[in-house]
N, C-alpha and C. Protein backbone atom coordinates (compact mmCIF):
# COMPACT_ATOMS: atom_id res chain seq x y z
N UNK A 1 11.22 -37.38 -102.10
CA UNK A 1 10.99 -38.65 -101.45
C UNK A 1 10.94 -38.41 -99.94
N UNK A 2 10.01 -39.06 -99.29
CA UNK A 2 9.84 -38.84 -97.87
C UNK A 2 10.35 -40.02 -97.05
N UNK A 3 11.43 -39.80 -96.33
CA UNK A 3 11.97 -40.75 -95.36
C UNK A 3 12.20 -42.14 -95.92
N UNK A 4 11.49 -43.11 -95.32
CA UNK A 4 11.68 -44.51 -95.67
C UNK A 4 10.69 -45.01 -96.70
N UNK A 5 9.97 -44.12 -97.37
CA UNK A 5 8.99 -44.56 -98.37
C UNK A 5 9.69 -45.14 -99.59
N UNK A 6 9.13 -46.21 -100.10
CA UNK A 6 9.67 -46.85 -101.30
C UNK A 6 9.05 -46.19 -102.52
N UNK A 7 9.86 -45.77 -103.47
CA UNK A 7 9.30 -45.13 -104.67
C UNK A 7 8.39 -46.10 -105.42
N UNK A 8 7.38 -45.55 -106.08
CA UNK A 8 6.41 -46.38 -106.80
C UNK A 8 7.07 -47.22 -107.88
N UNK A 9 8.04 -46.68 -108.60
CA UNK A 9 8.68 -47.44 -109.67
C UNK A 9 9.42 -48.65 -109.12
N UNK A 10 10.01 -48.51 -107.93
CA UNK A 10 10.73 -49.62 -107.31
C UNK A 10 9.75 -50.68 -106.81
N UNK A 11 8.64 -50.22 -106.24
CA UNK A 11 7.61 -51.14 -105.77
C UNK A 11 7.02 -51.92 -106.95
N UNK A 12 6.78 -51.23 -108.06
CA UNK A 12 6.26 -51.86 -109.26
C UNK A 12 7.25 -52.88 -109.83
N UNK A 13 8.52 -52.52 -109.84
CA UNK A 13 9.56 -53.42 -110.33
C UNK A 13 9.65 -54.67 -109.45
N UNK A 14 9.55 -54.50 -108.15
CA UNK A 14 9.58 -55.63 -107.22
C UNK A 14 8.41 -56.57 -107.42
N UNK A 15 7.22 -56.00 -107.64
CA UNK A 15 6.03 -56.83 -107.88
C UNK A 15 6.18 -57.61 -109.18
N UNK A 16 6.69 -56.94 -110.20
CA UNK A 16 6.87 -57.59 -111.51
C UNK A 16 7.90 -58.73 -111.41
N UNK A 17 9.01 -58.46 -110.72
CA UNK A 17 10.04 -59.49 -110.56
C UNK A 17 9.50 -60.68 -109.77
N UNK A 18 8.76 -60.42 -108.70
CA UNK A 18 8.17 -61.50 -107.91
C UNK A 18 7.15 -62.28 -108.73
N UNK A 19 6.37 -61.57 -109.55
CA UNK A 19 5.39 -62.22 -110.41
C UNK A 19 6.04 -63.17 -111.40
N UNK A 20 7.19 -62.79 -111.93
CA UNK A 20 7.90 -63.66 -112.88
C UNK A 20 8.58 -64.80 -112.13
N UNK A 21 9.21 -64.50 -111.00
CA UNK A 21 9.94 -65.52 -110.24
C UNK A 21 9.03 -66.63 -109.74
N UNK A 22 7.83 -66.28 -109.32
CA UNK A 22 6.94 -67.28 -108.72
C UNK A 22 5.94 -67.88 -109.70
N UNK A 23 6.14 -67.67 -110.98
CA UNK A 23 5.31 -68.32 -112.00
C UNK A 23 5.65 -69.81 -112.04
N UNK A 24 4.67 -70.68 -112.32
CA UNK A 24 4.99 -72.11 -112.45
C UNK A 24 6.09 -72.38 -113.47
N UNK A 25 6.10 -71.63 -114.57
CA UNK A 25 7.13 -71.86 -115.59
C UNK A 25 8.52 -71.63 -115.02
N UNK A 26 8.70 -70.59 -114.24
CA UNK A 26 10.00 -70.30 -113.65
C UNK A 26 10.36 -71.31 -112.59
N UNK A 27 9.41 -71.66 -111.73
CA UNK A 27 9.69 -72.61 -110.66
C UNK A 27 10.00 -74.01 -111.21
N UNK A 28 9.32 -74.41 -112.27
CA UNK A 28 9.60 -75.71 -112.89
C UNK A 28 11.02 -75.70 -113.46
N UNK A 29 11.38 -74.63 -114.14
CA UNK A 29 12.73 -74.54 -114.71
C UNK A 29 13.79 -74.62 -113.62
N UNK A 30 13.60 -73.87 -112.54
CA UNK A 30 14.55 -73.90 -111.42
C UNK A 30 14.62 -75.31 -110.83
N UNK A 31 13.46 -75.94 -110.62
CA UNK A 31 13.43 -77.29 -110.07
C UNK A 31 14.12 -78.31 -110.96
N UNK A 32 13.92 -78.20 -112.27
CA UNK A 32 14.57 -79.13 -113.19
C UNK A 32 16.09 -78.94 -113.19
N UNK A 33 16.53 -77.71 -113.15
CA UNK A 33 17.98 -77.45 -113.13
C UNK A 33 18.59 -77.98 -111.84
N UNK A 34 17.95 -77.70 -110.71
CA UNK A 34 18.47 -78.19 -109.43
C UNK A 34 18.48 -79.71 -109.41
N UNK A 35 17.37 -80.33 -109.84
CA UNK A 35 17.29 -81.79 -109.84
C UNK A 35 18.31 -82.44 -110.76
N UNK A 36 18.56 -81.82 -111.90
CA UNK A 36 19.51 -82.38 -112.86
C UNK A 36 20.96 -82.22 -112.39
N UNK A 37 21.21 -81.23 -111.56
CA UNK A 37 22.59 -81.01 -111.09
C UNK A 37 22.86 -81.66 -109.74
N UNK A 38 21.82 -82.07 -109.05
CA UNK A 38 21.98 -82.70 -107.73
C UNK A 38 22.47 -84.13 -107.90
N UNK A 39 23.58 -84.51 -107.30
CA UNK A 39 24.06 -85.88 -107.44
C UNK A 39 23.11 -86.87 -106.74
N UNK A 40 22.72 -87.91 -107.45
CA UNK A 40 21.82 -88.91 -106.88
C UNK A 40 22.46 -89.61 -105.69
N UNK A 41 23.77 -89.81 -105.75
CA UNK A 41 24.46 -90.48 -104.63
C UNK A 41 24.35 -89.66 -103.35
N UNK A 42 24.28 -88.35 -103.49
CA UNK A 42 24.13 -87.48 -102.31
C UNK A 42 22.77 -87.69 -101.66
N UNK A 43 21.73 -87.92 -102.49
CA UNK A 43 20.38 -88.12 -101.95
C UNK A 43 20.19 -89.50 -101.35
N UNK A 44 20.89 -90.49 -101.89
CA UNK A 44 20.67 -91.87 -101.42
C UNK A 44 21.50 -92.23 -100.20
N UNK A 45 22.52 -91.44 -99.91
CA UNK A 45 23.32 -91.71 -98.71
C UNK A 45 22.78 -90.88 -97.56
N UNK A 46 22.90 -91.39 -96.39
CA UNK A 46 22.45 -90.64 -95.22
C UNK A 46 21.04 -91.02 -94.80
N UNK A 47 20.59 -90.42 -93.72
CA UNK A 47 19.29 -90.76 -93.15
C UNK A 47 18.13 -90.17 -93.96
N UNK A 48 16.96 -90.74 -93.75
CA UNK A 48 15.76 -90.23 -94.40
C UNK A 48 15.37 -88.89 -93.78
N UNK A 49 14.92 -87.97 -94.62
CA UNK A 49 14.46 -86.68 -94.14
C UNK A 49 12.94 -86.60 -94.09
N UNK A 50 12.27 -87.69 -94.40
CA UNK A 50 10.81 -87.73 -94.39
C UNK A 50 10.30 -87.74 -92.95
N UNK A 51 9.53 -86.74 -92.54
CA UNK A 51 9.03 -86.71 -91.15
C UNK A 51 8.16 -87.91 -90.81
N UNK A 52 7.33 -88.36 -91.75
CA UNK A 52 6.47 -89.51 -91.51
C UNK A 52 7.30 -90.76 -91.23
N UNK A 53 8.34 -90.98 -92.06
CA UNK A 53 9.18 -92.16 -91.89
C UNK A 53 10.01 -92.07 -90.61
N UNK A 54 10.47 -90.88 -90.26
CA UNK A 54 11.25 -90.70 -89.03
C UNK A 54 10.38 -91.00 -87.81
N UNK A 55 9.12 -90.55 -87.83
CA UNK A 55 8.23 -90.75 -86.68
C UNK A 55 7.68 -92.17 -86.59
N UNK A 56 7.32 -92.78 -87.74
CA UNK A 56 6.63 -94.07 -87.69
C UNK A 56 7.52 -95.25 -88.07
N UNK A 57 8.61 -94.99 -88.77
CA UNK A 57 9.45 -96.06 -89.29
C UNK A 57 8.92 -96.64 -90.58
N UNK A 58 7.80 -96.13 -91.05
CA UNK A 58 7.18 -96.58 -92.31
C UNK A 58 7.33 -95.50 -93.38
N UNK A 59 7.46 -95.89 -94.62
CA UNK A 59 7.54 -94.88 -95.68
C UNK A 59 6.18 -94.24 -95.93
N UNK A 60 6.19 -92.98 -96.28
CA UNK A 60 4.95 -92.29 -96.62
C UNK A 60 4.63 -92.53 -98.10
N UNK A 61 3.46 -92.12 -98.57
CA UNK A 61 3.12 -92.33 -99.99
C UNK A 61 4.10 -91.65 -100.95
N UNK A 62 4.75 -90.60 -100.52
CA UNK A 62 5.67 -89.89 -101.41
C UNK A 62 7.13 -90.24 -101.21
N UNK A 63 7.42 -91.16 -100.29
CA UNK A 63 8.82 -91.52 -100.05
C UNK A 63 9.46 -92.05 -101.34
N UNK A 64 10.57 -91.48 -101.68
CA UNK A 64 11.30 -91.88 -102.87
C UNK A 64 11.04 -91.00 -104.08
N UNK A 65 10.06 -90.08 -104.00
CA UNK A 65 9.75 -89.24 -105.15
C UNK A 65 10.90 -88.33 -105.55
N UNK A 66 11.59 -87.75 -104.58
CA UNK A 66 12.71 -86.87 -104.91
C UNK A 66 13.82 -87.66 -105.58
N UNK A 67 14.18 -88.79 -105.00
CA UNK A 67 15.23 -89.63 -105.60
C UNK A 67 14.80 -90.12 -106.99
N UNK A 68 13.54 -90.49 -107.13
CA UNK A 68 13.03 -90.94 -108.42
C UNK A 68 13.11 -89.83 -109.46
N UNK A 69 12.71 -88.64 -109.09
CA UNK A 69 12.74 -87.50 -110.01
C UNK A 69 14.16 -87.16 -110.43
N UNK A 70 15.07 -87.15 -109.47
CA UNK A 70 16.47 -86.84 -109.78
C UNK A 70 17.06 -87.92 -110.68
N UNK A 71 16.76 -89.19 -110.40
CA UNK A 71 17.26 -90.27 -111.26
C UNK A 71 16.72 -90.12 -112.68
N UNK A 72 15.45 -89.77 -112.80
CA UNK A 72 14.86 -89.57 -114.13
C UNK A 72 15.54 -88.41 -114.86
N UNK A 73 15.80 -87.33 -114.14
CA UNK A 73 16.46 -86.18 -114.75
C UNK A 73 17.91 -86.49 -115.12
N UNK A 74 18.51 -87.47 -114.48
CA UNK A 74 19.86 -87.90 -114.82
C UNK A 74 19.85 -88.93 -115.95
N UNK A 75 18.66 -89.24 -116.47
CA UNK A 75 18.55 -90.17 -117.59
C UNK A 75 18.58 -91.63 -117.19
N UNK A 76 18.14 -91.94 -115.98
CA UNK A 76 18.15 -93.32 -115.50
C UNK A 76 16.72 -93.75 -115.14
N UNK A 77 15.91 -94.13 -116.14
CA UNK A 77 14.50 -94.44 -115.86
C UNK A 77 14.30 -95.68 -115.00
N UNK A 78 15.18 -96.67 -115.07
CA UNK A 78 14.98 -97.87 -114.25
C UNK A 78 15.19 -97.56 -112.77
N UNK A 79 16.21 -96.76 -112.45
CA UNK A 79 16.42 -96.35 -111.06
C UNK A 79 15.27 -95.46 -110.60
N UNK A 80 14.81 -94.61 -111.49
CA UNK A 80 13.68 -93.74 -111.17
C UNK A 80 12.46 -94.58 -110.82
N UNK A 81 12.19 -95.60 -111.61
CA UNK A 81 11.04 -96.48 -111.36
C UNK A 81 11.21 -97.24 -110.05
N UNK A 82 12.44 -97.64 -109.73
CA UNK A 82 12.69 -98.35 -108.48
C UNK A 82 12.35 -97.48 -107.27
N UNK A 83 12.81 -96.23 -107.29
CA UNK A 83 12.59 -95.36 -106.13
C UNK A 83 11.12 -94.97 -105.97
N UNK A 84 10.44 -94.69 -107.08
CA UNK A 84 9.01 -94.39 -107.00
C UNK A 84 8.45 -94.39 -108.42
N UNK A 85 7.40 -95.16 -108.68
CA UNK A 85 6.87 -95.24 -110.04
C UNK A 85 6.26 -93.93 -110.55
N UNK A 86 5.97 -93.00 -109.67
CA UNK A 86 5.34 -91.75 -110.11
C UNK A 86 6.35 -90.61 -110.31
N UNK A 87 7.64 -90.87 -110.14
CA UNK A 87 8.65 -89.82 -110.31
C UNK A 87 8.67 -89.27 -111.72
N UNK A 88 8.74 -90.16 -112.72
CA UNK A 88 8.78 -89.71 -114.12
C UNK A 88 7.49 -88.99 -114.52
N UNK A 89 6.30 -89.53 -114.19
CA UNK A 89 5.08 -88.79 -114.54
C UNK A 89 5.00 -87.41 -113.89
N UNK A 90 5.51 -87.28 -112.67
CA UNK A 90 5.49 -85.97 -112.02
C UNK A 90 6.38 -84.98 -112.76
N UNK A 91 7.53 -85.44 -113.22
CA UNK A 91 8.42 -84.57 -113.99
C UNK A 91 7.73 -84.14 -115.29
N UNK A 92 7.11 -85.09 -115.98
CA UNK A 92 6.43 -84.78 -117.24
C UNK A 92 5.29 -83.79 -117.01
N UNK A 93 4.48 -84.01 -115.98
CA UNK A 93 3.37 -83.09 -115.67
C UNK A 93 3.90 -81.71 -115.31
N UNK A 94 4.97 -81.65 -114.54
CA UNK A 94 5.56 -80.35 -114.18
C UNK A 94 6.04 -79.61 -115.43
N UNK A 95 6.65 -80.33 -116.35
CA UNK A 95 7.12 -79.69 -117.60
C UNK A 95 5.94 -79.17 -118.41
N UNK A 96 4.88 -79.96 -118.51
CA UNK A 96 3.69 -79.53 -119.26
C UNK A 96 3.08 -78.29 -118.60
N UNK A 97 2.95 -78.29 -117.28
CA UNK A 97 2.41 -77.12 -116.58
C UNK A 97 3.30 -75.90 -116.82
N UNK A 98 4.60 -76.08 -116.73
CA UNK A 98 5.53 -74.97 -116.98
C UNK A 98 5.41 -74.44 -118.39
N UNK A 99 5.31 -75.34 -119.38
CA UNK A 99 5.19 -74.90 -120.78
C UNK A 99 3.88 -74.16 -121.04
N UNK A 100 2.79 -74.66 -120.49
CA UNK A 100 1.49 -73.99 -120.66
C UNK A 100 1.55 -72.60 -120.05
N UNK A 101 2.11 -72.50 -118.85
CA UNK A 101 2.21 -71.20 -118.19
C UNK A 101 3.12 -70.25 -118.97
N UNK A 102 4.26 -70.75 -119.44
CA UNK A 102 5.18 -69.91 -120.22
C UNK A 102 4.52 -69.44 -121.50
N UNK A 103 3.77 -70.31 -122.17
CA UNK A 103 3.07 -69.93 -123.39
C UNK A 103 2.02 -68.85 -123.11
N UNK A 104 1.24 -69.03 -122.05
CA UNK A 104 0.21 -68.03 -121.71
C UNK A 104 0.85 -66.70 -121.35
N UNK A 105 1.95 -66.73 -120.63
CA UNK A 105 2.64 -65.48 -120.27
C UNK A 105 3.19 -64.80 -121.51
N UNK A 106 3.83 -65.58 -122.40
CA UNK A 106 4.40 -65.03 -123.63
C UNK A 106 3.29 -64.42 -124.50
N UNK A 107 2.17 -65.15 -124.61
CA UNK A 107 1.05 -64.65 -125.41
C UNK A 107 0.49 -63.34 -124.86
N UNK A 108 0.39 -63.24 -123.55
CA UNK A 108 -0.14 -61.99 -122.97
C UNK A 108 0.84 -60.84 -123.17
N UNK A 109 2.14 -61.12 -123.17
CA UNK A 109 3.13 -60.07 -123.39
C UNK A 109 3.09 -59.57 -124.84
N UNK A 110 2.88 -60.48 -125.77
CA UNK A 110 2.88 -60.13 -127.20
C UNK A 110 1.60 -59.44 -127.63
N UNK A 111 0.47 -59.82 -127.06
CA UNK A 111 -0.81 -59.29 -127.51
C UNK A 111 -1.27 -58.08 -126.72
N UNK A 112 -0.60 -57.78 -125.63
CA UNK A 112 -1.00 -56.65 -124.81
C UNK A 112 -2.18 -56.95 -123.91
N UNK A 113 -2.58 -58.21 -123.83
CA UNK A 113 -3.67 -58.60 -122.94
C UNK A 113 -3.18 -58.51 -121.50
N UNK A 114 -4.11 -58.40 -120.56
CA UNK A 114 -3.68 -58.38 -119.16
C UNK A 114 -2.97 -59.69 -118.80
N UNK A 115 -1.91 -59.56 -118.04
CA UNK A 115 -1.11 -60.73 -117.65
C UNK A 115 -1.87 -61.57 -116.65
N UNK A 116 -1.85 -62.88 -116.86
CA UNK A 116 -2.46 -63.80 -115.90
C UNK A 116 -1.56 -63.90 -114.69
N UNK A 117 -2.14 -64.00 -113.51
CA UNK A 117 -1.36 -64.12 -112.28
C UNK A 117 -0.58 -65.43 -112.23
N UNK A 118 0.40 -65.52 -111.35
CA UNK A 118 1.23 -66.73 -111.27
C UNK A 118 0.45 -68.00 -110.93
N UNK A 119 -0.68 -67.86 -110.27
CA UNK A 119 -1.40 -69.06 -109.83
C UNK A 119 -2.60 -69.42 -110.70
N UNK A 120 -2.77 -68.75 -111.84
CA UNK A 120 -3.98 -68.98 -112.65
C UNK A 120 -4.13 -70.44 -113.07
N UNK A 121 -3.05 -71.06 -113.50
CA UNK A 121 -3.13 -72.43 -114.00
C UNK A 121 -3.36 -73.42 -112.87
N UNK A 122 -2.69 -73.20 -111.74
CA UNK A 122 -2.87 -74.11 -110.60
C UNK A 122 -4.28 -74.01 -110.03
N UNK A 123 -4.83 -72.79 -110.01
CA UNK A 123 -6.21 -72.62 -109.56
C UNK A 123 -7.18 -73.33 -110.50
N UNK A 124 -6.89 -73.25 -111.77
CA UNK A 124 -7.74 -73.92 -112.76
C UNK A 124 -7.64 -75.44 -112.62
N UNK A 125 -6.44 -75.94 -112.43
CA UNK A 125 -6.25 -77.39 -112.25
C UNK A 125 -6.93 -77.89 -110.97
N UNK A 126 -6.95 -77.06 -109.94
CA UNK A 126 -7.55 -77.46 -108.67
C UNK A 126 -9.06 -77.69 -108.80
N UNK A 127 -9.68 -77.11 -109.83
CA UNK A 127 -11.12 -77.28 -110.04
C UNK A 127 -11.44 -78.50 -110.93
N UNK A 128 -10.42 -79.25 -111.28
CA UNK A 128 -10.61 -80.45 -112.10
C UNK A 128 -10.41 -81.69 -111.21
N UNK A 129 -10.59 -82.87 -111.76
CA UNK A 129 -10.32 -84.09 -110.98
C UNK A 129 -8.83 -84.37 -110.78
N UNK A 130 -7.94 -83.57 -111.37
CA UNK A 130 -6.49 -83.84 -111.32
C UNK A 130 -5.95 -84.04 -109.91
N UNK A 131 -6.28 -83.19 -108.93
CA UNK A 131 -5.74 -83.44 -107.58
C UNK A 131 -6.20 -84.78 -107.01
N UNK A 132 -7.44 -85.17 -107.27
CA UNK A 132 -7.94 -86.44 -106.75
C UNK A 132 -7.30 -87.62 -107.46
N UNK A 133 -7.00 -87.46 -108.75
CA UNK A 133 -6.30 -88.51 -109.49
C UNK A 133 -4.90 -88.68 -108.91
N UNK A 134 -4.24 -87.57 -108.61
CA UNK A 134 -2.88 -87.63 -108.04
C UNK A 134 -2.91 -88.29 -106.66
N UNK A 135 -3.87 -87.91 -105.83
CA UNK A 135 -3.99 -88.52 -104.49
C UNK A 135 -4.28 -90.01 -104.62
N UNK A 136 -5.17 -90.36 -105.54
CA UNK A 136 -5.49 -91.77 -105.76
C UNK A 136 -4.28 -92.57 -106.24
N UNK A 137 -3.51 -92.01 -107.16
CA UNK A 137 -2.33 -92.70 -107.68
C UNK A 137 -1.30 -92.90 -106.56
N UNK A 138 -1.07 -91.87 -105.76
CA UNK A 138 -0.14 -92.00 -104.63
C UNK A 138 -0.61 -93.06 -103.64
N UNK A 139 -1.90 -93.09 -103.39
CA UNK A 139 -2.46 -94.07 -102.45
C UNK A 139 -2.31 -95.49 -102.98
N UNK A 140 -2.61 -95.70 -104.25
CA UNK A 140 -2.49 -97.04 -104.84
C UNK A 140 -1.04 -97.51 -104.80
N UNK A 141 -0.12 -96.64 -105.19
CA UNK A 141 1.30 -97.01 -105.17
C UNK A 141 1.72 -97.35 -103.74
N UNK A 142 1.28 -96.55 -102.78
CA UNK A 142 1.65 -96.78 -101.38
C UNK A 142 1.10 -98.12 -100.88
N UNK A 143 -0.16 -98.40 -101.23
CA UNK A 143 -0.78 -99.66 -100.77
C UNK A 143 -0.13 -100.88 -101.40
N UNK A 144 0.46 -100.73 -102.57
CA UNK A 144 1.20 -101.84 -103.18
C UNK A 144 2.58 -101.97 -102.55
N UNK A 145 3.25 -100.84 -102.33
CA UNK A 145 4.62 -100.86 -101.83
C UNK A 145 4.72 -101.14 -100.33
N UNK A 146 3.76 -100.71 -99.55
CA UNK A 146 3.85 -100.86 -98.09
C UNK A 146 3.97 -102.32 -97.65
N UNK A 147 3.14 -103.25 -98.15
CA UNK A 147 3.34 -104.66 -97.75
C UNK A 147 4.70 -105.21 -98.18
N UNK A 148 5.18 -104.78 -99.34
CA UNK A 148 6.50 -105.21 -99.80
C UNK A 148 7.59 -104.68 -98.86
N UNK A 149 7.42 -103.46 -98.41
CA UNK A 149 8.38 -102.86 -97.47
C UNK A 149 8.37 -103.62 -96.14
N UNK A 150 7.16 -103.92 -95.65
CA UNK A 150 7.03 -104.64 -94.37
C UNK A 150 7.57 -106.05 -94.47
N UNK A 151 7.49 -106.65 -95.66
CA UNK A 151 8.02 -108.01 -95.85
C UNK A 151 9.52 -108.01 -96.09
N UNK A 152 10.10 -106.81 -96.21
CA UNK A 152 11.54 -106.71 -96.45
C UNK A 152 11.93 -106.88 -97.91
N UNK A 153 10.94 -106.90 -98.81
CA UNK A 153 11.22 -107.11 -100.23
C UNK A 153 11.48 -105.80 -100.97
N UNK A 154 11.24 -104.68 -100.33
CA UNK A 154 11.43 -103.40 -101.00
C UNK A 154 11.99 -102.41 -99.99
N UNK A 155 13.08 -101.80 -100.31
CA UNK A 155 13.63 -100.76 -99.45
C UNK A 155 13.70 -99.48 -100.25
N UNK A 156 13.28 -98.41 -99.65
CA UNK A 156 13.37 -97.10 -100.30
C UNK A 156 13.41 -96.03 -99.25
């Protein structure tokens, strides 16, 4: 071994570990565990961390999504709906993406096919109308909630 050179086996192991860690299936699992263990009361107390809301005083289209997702993961769908109507669908979509990615990874390991990269599914989804549907849904929810917020009928 020469000086500070990293051995090939260690470099290969690092790439493999990073490839598994940054797969959508792994990230979804980590996110679900963190969200399910995070106390909702901790998220609802204290100041807003949303940069848009801090700068403008108005909620952004995604304001309340984290609290909504955590409430849904704690088994409280009504609180989840109150904080943001798209919290539960985002959790469901994340689980589906994670399961599809985990299945594709498992299948490639069992059949000896080349492993798909961590971003294969997200790249494929980006070529569909899905991102525009998500942007449209966020916009519609925001346009309904913003006048209610300005009238003082909705706080989030």
